[in-house]
Amino acid sequence: MNGSRFVAAISIVMLTGCSGHLSRSKVDSEMRQQYQCPNDACFPGFGGQELFLTIGKVTGSCNGVTDYDPVQSDYRSEYKALAQAGYITIKPEKRHVWNVSLTQAGQQAIKDVPYAHTQKGDCDSWQVTFPLSAFDDLSVSGVLEDRVHAKADISVKWKVTPVGLALRKEAVQLKLSDLGTRVLVGDDIARLSVNETEYRTYRTILFDKYDDGWKIHD
């Protein structure tokens, strides 16, 4: 083997060996795919903060509970806060029964379309999802490999959505306690001041190595 062929062979071996490692760029690419996933296709735990609400003809029987008023009790303050922020309207129909409708702002703020239609007794309801924060950016601070396993430390930046900002302000107007605010908008948004519009989360992601490359640990 002449010198040029020997150098080329060594280069191929080095490249092949290096390609088996989990690089920061690989983690960055993989994680962006997970965080930018469409709708409900997210890998578990990679979505932003969300608020789930029952709309339509709402009563206790929607959840299999009799003689209960979920709108009047409103232990999470979500109905009151969303109504005051202009995302829903609430009208009484009869005892323990309410007509909850999305305003135009509410229709534009929800994720996808209403789902989980329920009809029984006085109940004729749908579920809707209000995204309170959305993925904005991420950075990889380190990768540690251990044979066919690895872990990567990442920092994720989230943008608070308009409805998330509105509910954070309503929590102040309603004079909710710290616990009440966390129940309404989640811990991360609750820690923000009223005028802050973004926050960061930090997590360690586990990877496993397969014959076709590194993948997120199930």
Protein backbone atom coordinates (compact mmCIF):
# COMPACT_ATOMS: atom_id res chain seq x y z
CA MET A 1 0.00 0.00 0.00
CA ASN A 2 1.49 3.36 -1.01
CA GLY A 3 1.47 6.42 1.27
CA SER A 4 -1.57 8.15 -0.24
CA ARG A 5 -3.70 4.99 -0.04
CA PHE A 6 -2.59 4.41 3.58
CA VAL A 7 -3.61 7.97 4.58
CA ALA A 8 -6.96 7.56 2.80
CA ALA A 9 -7.62 4.28 4.61
CA ILE A 10 -6.80 5.82 7.98
CA SER A 11 -9.10 8.77 7.20
CA ILE A 12 -12.00 6.45 6.38
CA VAL A 13 -11.51 4.52 9.62
CA MET A 14 -11.44 7.76 11.65
CA LEU A 15 -14.56 9.09 9.98
CA THR A 16 -16.39 5.82 10.49
CA GLY A 17 -15.46 5.78 14.17
CA CYS A 18 -16.47 9.39 14.75
CA SER A 19 -19.81 9.00 12.98
CA GLY A 20 -20.95 6.54 15.66
CA HIS A 21 -20.91 9.21 18.37
CA LEU A 22 -23.91 11.26 19.44
CA SER A 23 -22.94 14.82 18.55
CA ARG A 24 -24.50 18.03 19.81
CA SER A 25 -25.66 18.81 16.28
CA LYS A 26 -27.43 15.43 16.09
CA VAL A 27 -29.15 16.09 19.42
CA ASP A 28 -30.11 19.59 18.30
CA SER A 29 -31.61 18.26 15.04
CA GLU A 30 -33.48 15.43 16.75
CA MET A 31 -34.87 17.63 19.52
CA ARG A 32 -36.06 20.32 17.11
CA GLN A 33 -38.06 17.66 15.29
CA GLN A 34 -39.67 16.64 18.57
CA TYR A 35 -40.45 20.15 19.82
CA GLN A 36 -41.70 21.36 16.44
CA CYS A 37 -43.94 18.34 16.05
CA PRO A 38 -47.38 18.91 14.51
CA ASN A 39 -50.37 18.95 16.86
CA ASP A 40 -50.69 15.71 18.86
CA ALA A 41 -47.73 13.98 17.17
CA CYS A 42 -45.36 15.19 19.90
CA PHE A 43 -43.16 12.70 21.68
CA PRO A 44 -44.63 12.56 25.24
CA GLY A 45 -43.48 15.50 27.33
CA PHE A 46 -42.38 17.75 24.46
CA GLY A 47 -45.44 19.98 24.15
CA GLY A 48 -45.94 23.43 25.65
CA GLN A 49 -48.23 24.40 28.51
CA GLU A 50 -51.93 23.89 27.65
CA LEU A 51 -55.33 24.50 29.22
CA PHE A 52 -58.17 22.05 28.57
CA LEU A 53 -61.74 23.31 28.79
CA THR A 54 -65.23 21.87 28.39
CA ILE A 55 -67.54 24.03 26.26
CA GLY A 56 -71.06 23.69 24.87
CA LYS A 57 -73.90 22.71 27.18
CA VAL A 58 -71.90 22.06 30.33
CA THR A 59 -73.11 20.37 33.50
CA GLY A 60 -71.88 17.88 36.07
CA SER A 61 -73.27 14.95 34.11
CA CYS A 62 -70.65 15.61 31.42
CA ASN A 63 -68.19 14.06 33.87
CA GLY A 64 -70.60 11.54 35.34
CA VAL A 65 -71.32 13.63 38.45
CA THR A 66 -74.87 14.54 39.46
CA ASP A 67 -75.93 17.62 41.39
CA TYR A 68 -72.64 19.35 40.60
CA ASP A 69 -71.96 22.62 38.78
CA PRO A 70 -68.49 22.64 37.16
CA VAL A 71 -68.85 26.21 35.88
CA GLN A 72 -70.11 27.74 39.12
CA SER A 73 -67.56 25.87 41.25
CA ASP A 74 -64.73 26.64 38.77
CA TYR A 75 -62.03 25.48 41.18
CA ARG A 76 -59.31 26.26 38.61
CA SER A 77 -60.77 29.73 37.87
CA GLU A 78 -60.47 28.92 34.16
CA TYR A 79 -64.05 29.78 33.18
CA LYS A 80 -63.99 33.10 34.99
CA ALA A 81 -60.52 34.05 33.71
CA LEU A 82 -61.24 33.09 30.09
CA ALA A 83 -64.57 34.93 30.16
CA GLN A 84 -63.02 38.10 31.56
CA ALA A 85 -60.21 37.89 29.00
CA GLY A 86 -62.78 37.69 26.18
CA TYR A 87 -62.19 34.13 24.97
CA ILE A 88 -65.51 32.58 26.04
CA THR A 89 -69.05 33.59 26.98
CA ILE A 90 -71.04 31.90 29.74
CA LYS A 91 -74.83 31.91 29.93
CA PRO A 92 -76.97 30.02 32.46
CA GLU A 93 -79.64 27.68 31.06
CA LYS A 94 -81.00 26.21 34.28
CA ARG A 95 -79.72 25.01 37.64
CA HIS A 96 -76.22 23.54 37.23
CA VAL A 97 -76.42 23.83 33.42
CA TRP A 98 -74.48 26.46 31.42
CA ASN A 99 -74.00 27.33 27.77
CA VAL A 100 -70.29 27.99 27.26
CA SER A 101 -69.32 29.35 23.82
CA LEU A 102 -66.07 30.44 22.21
CA THR A 103 -65.85 34.07 21.11
CA GLN A 104 -64.12 34.89 17.83
CA ALA A 105 -60.90 35.42 19.81
CA GLY A 106 -61.45 32.05 21.47
CA GLN A 107 -61.95 30.28 18.14
CA GLN A 108 -58.67 31.72 16.89
CA ALA A 109 -56.82 30.83 20.11
CA ILE A 110 -57.69 27.12 20.45
CA LYS A 111 -55.56 24.31 19.10
CA ASP A 112 -57.13 22.63 16.07
CA VAL A 113 -60.89 22.08 16.52
CA PRO A 114 -63.21 21.00 19.37
CA TYR A 115 -63.10 17.26 20.10
CA ALA A 116 -64.48 14.55 22.45
CA HIS A 117 -68.17 15.31 21.87
CA THR A 118 -70.29 14.10 24.81
CA GLN A 119 -74.09 13.84 24.91
CA LYS A 120 -75.92 12.50 27.95
CA GLY A 121 -78.72 14.00 30.01
CA ASP A 122 -78.40 17.78 30.01
CA CYS A 123 -74.83 17.54 28.76
CA ASP A 124 -73.94 18.33 25.14
CA SER A 125 -70.29 19.29 25.37
CA TRP A 126 -66.97 19.39 23.54
CA GLN A 127 -63.38 19.66 24.71
CA VAL A 128 -61.04 22.39 23.48
CA THR A 129 -57.34 23.01 24.08
CA PHE A 130 -55.84 26.47 24.62
CA PRO A 131 -52.03 26.52 24.05
CA LEU A 132 -50.49 28.76 26.74
CA SER A 133 -46.91 28.51 25.52
CA ALA A 134 -45.15 27.42 22.33
CA PHE A 135 -41.66 26.19 21.47
CA ASP A 136 -39.30 28.96 20.35
CA ASP A 137 -35.69 27.69 20.44
CA LEU A 138 -33.30 25.27 22.14
CA SER A 139 -29.62 24.78 22.86
CA VAL A 140 -27.59 21.69 23.75
CA SER A 141 -25.17 22.24 26.64
CA GLY A 142 -23.57 18.80 26.76
CA VAL A 143 -23.64 15.14 25.69
CA LEU A 144 -22.37 12.20 27.76
CA GLU A 145 -22.08 8.76 26.16
CA ASP A 146 -21.87 5.41 27.96
CA ARG A 147 -21.47 2.69 25.32
CA VAL A 148 -24.93 2.28 23.70
CA HIS A 149 -26.59 4.83 25.98
CA ALA A 150 -26.21 8.59 26.21
CA LYS A 151 -27.75 11.61 27.86
CA ALA A 152 -27.92 15.15 26.56
CA ASP A 153 -28.56 18.30 28.57
CA ILE A 154 -30.72 20.85 26.77
CA SER A 155 -32.24 24.25 27.44
CA VAL A 156 -35.56 25.07 25.79
CA LYS A 157 -36.99 28.57 25.29
CA TRP A 158 -40.78 28.94 25.26
CA LYS A 159 -42.88 31.87 24.11
CA VAL A 160 -46.05 32.56 26.09
CA THR A 161 -49.05 32.77 23.75
CA PRO A 162 -51.51 35.72 23.84
CA VAL A 163 -54.02 33.61 25.77
CA GLY A 164 -51.29 32.58 28.21
CA LEU A 165 -50.37 36.22 28.78
CA ALA A 166 -54.03 37.16 29.20
CA LEU A 167 -54.63 34.46 31.81
CA ARG A 168 -51.48 35.45 33.70
CA LYS A 169 -52.86 38.99 33.94
CA GLU A 170 -56.32 37.74 34.91
CA ALA A 171 -54.77 35.76 37.74
CA VAL A 172 -53.60 39.10 39.18
CA GLN A 173 -56.98 40.76 38.59
CA LEU A 174 -58.76 37.84 40.28
CA LYS A 175 -56.27 38.02 43.15
CA LEU A 176 -55.51 34.32 42.90
CA SER A 177 -53.05 32.83 45.35
CA ASP A 178 -49.69 31.52 44.14
CA LEU A 179 -51.18 28.04 44.12
CA GLY A 180 -54.28 29.24 42.25
CA THR A 181 -52.12 30.90 39.60
CA ARG A 182 -50.04 27.74 39.14
CA VAL A 183 -53.21 25.67 38.77
CA LEU A 184 -54.52 28.07 36.13
CA VAL A 185 -51.45 28.61 33.93
CA GLY A 186 -48.82 26.12 35.12
CA ASP A 187 -45.71 26.57 37.24
CA ASP A 188 -43.45 28.08 34.56
CA ILE A 189 -45.84 30.84 33.47
CA ALA A 190 -46.92 31.48 37.06
CA ARG A 191 -43.32 32.34 37.97
CA LEU A 192 -43.19 35.11 35.34
CA SER A 193 -44.03 38.72 36.00
CA VAL A 194 -47.10 40.03 34.16
CA ASN A 195 -45.00 41.64 31.39
CA GLU A 196 -42.60 38.73 30.74
CA THR A 197 -43.27 36.82 27.52
CA GLU A 198 -40.84 33.89 27.59
CA TYR A 199 -39.23 31.35 29.88
CA ARG A 200 -36.74 28.50 29.76
CA THR A 201 -36.91 24.90 30.88
CA TYR A 202 -33.97 22.56 31.40
CA ARG A 203 -33.97 18.81 30.99
CA THR A 204 -31.81 15.78 30.36
CA ILE A 205 -32.82 13.60 27.41
CA LEU A 206 -31.82 9.92 27.23
CA PHE A 207 -30.74 8.31 23.95
CA ASP A 208 -30.16 4.69 22.93
CA LYS A 209 -27.92 3.54 20.09
CA TYR A 210 -29.35 1.20 17.45
CA ASP A 211 -27.88 -0.24 14.28
CA ASP A 212 -29.32 2.71 12.34
CA GLY A 213 -28.20 5.42 14.76
CA TRP A 214 -29.12 7.17 17.99
CA LYS A 215 -32.78 7.50 19.03
CA ILE A 216 -34.62 9.05 21.98
CA HIS A 217 -35.13 6.54 24.77
CA ASP A 218 -38.77 5.41 24.99
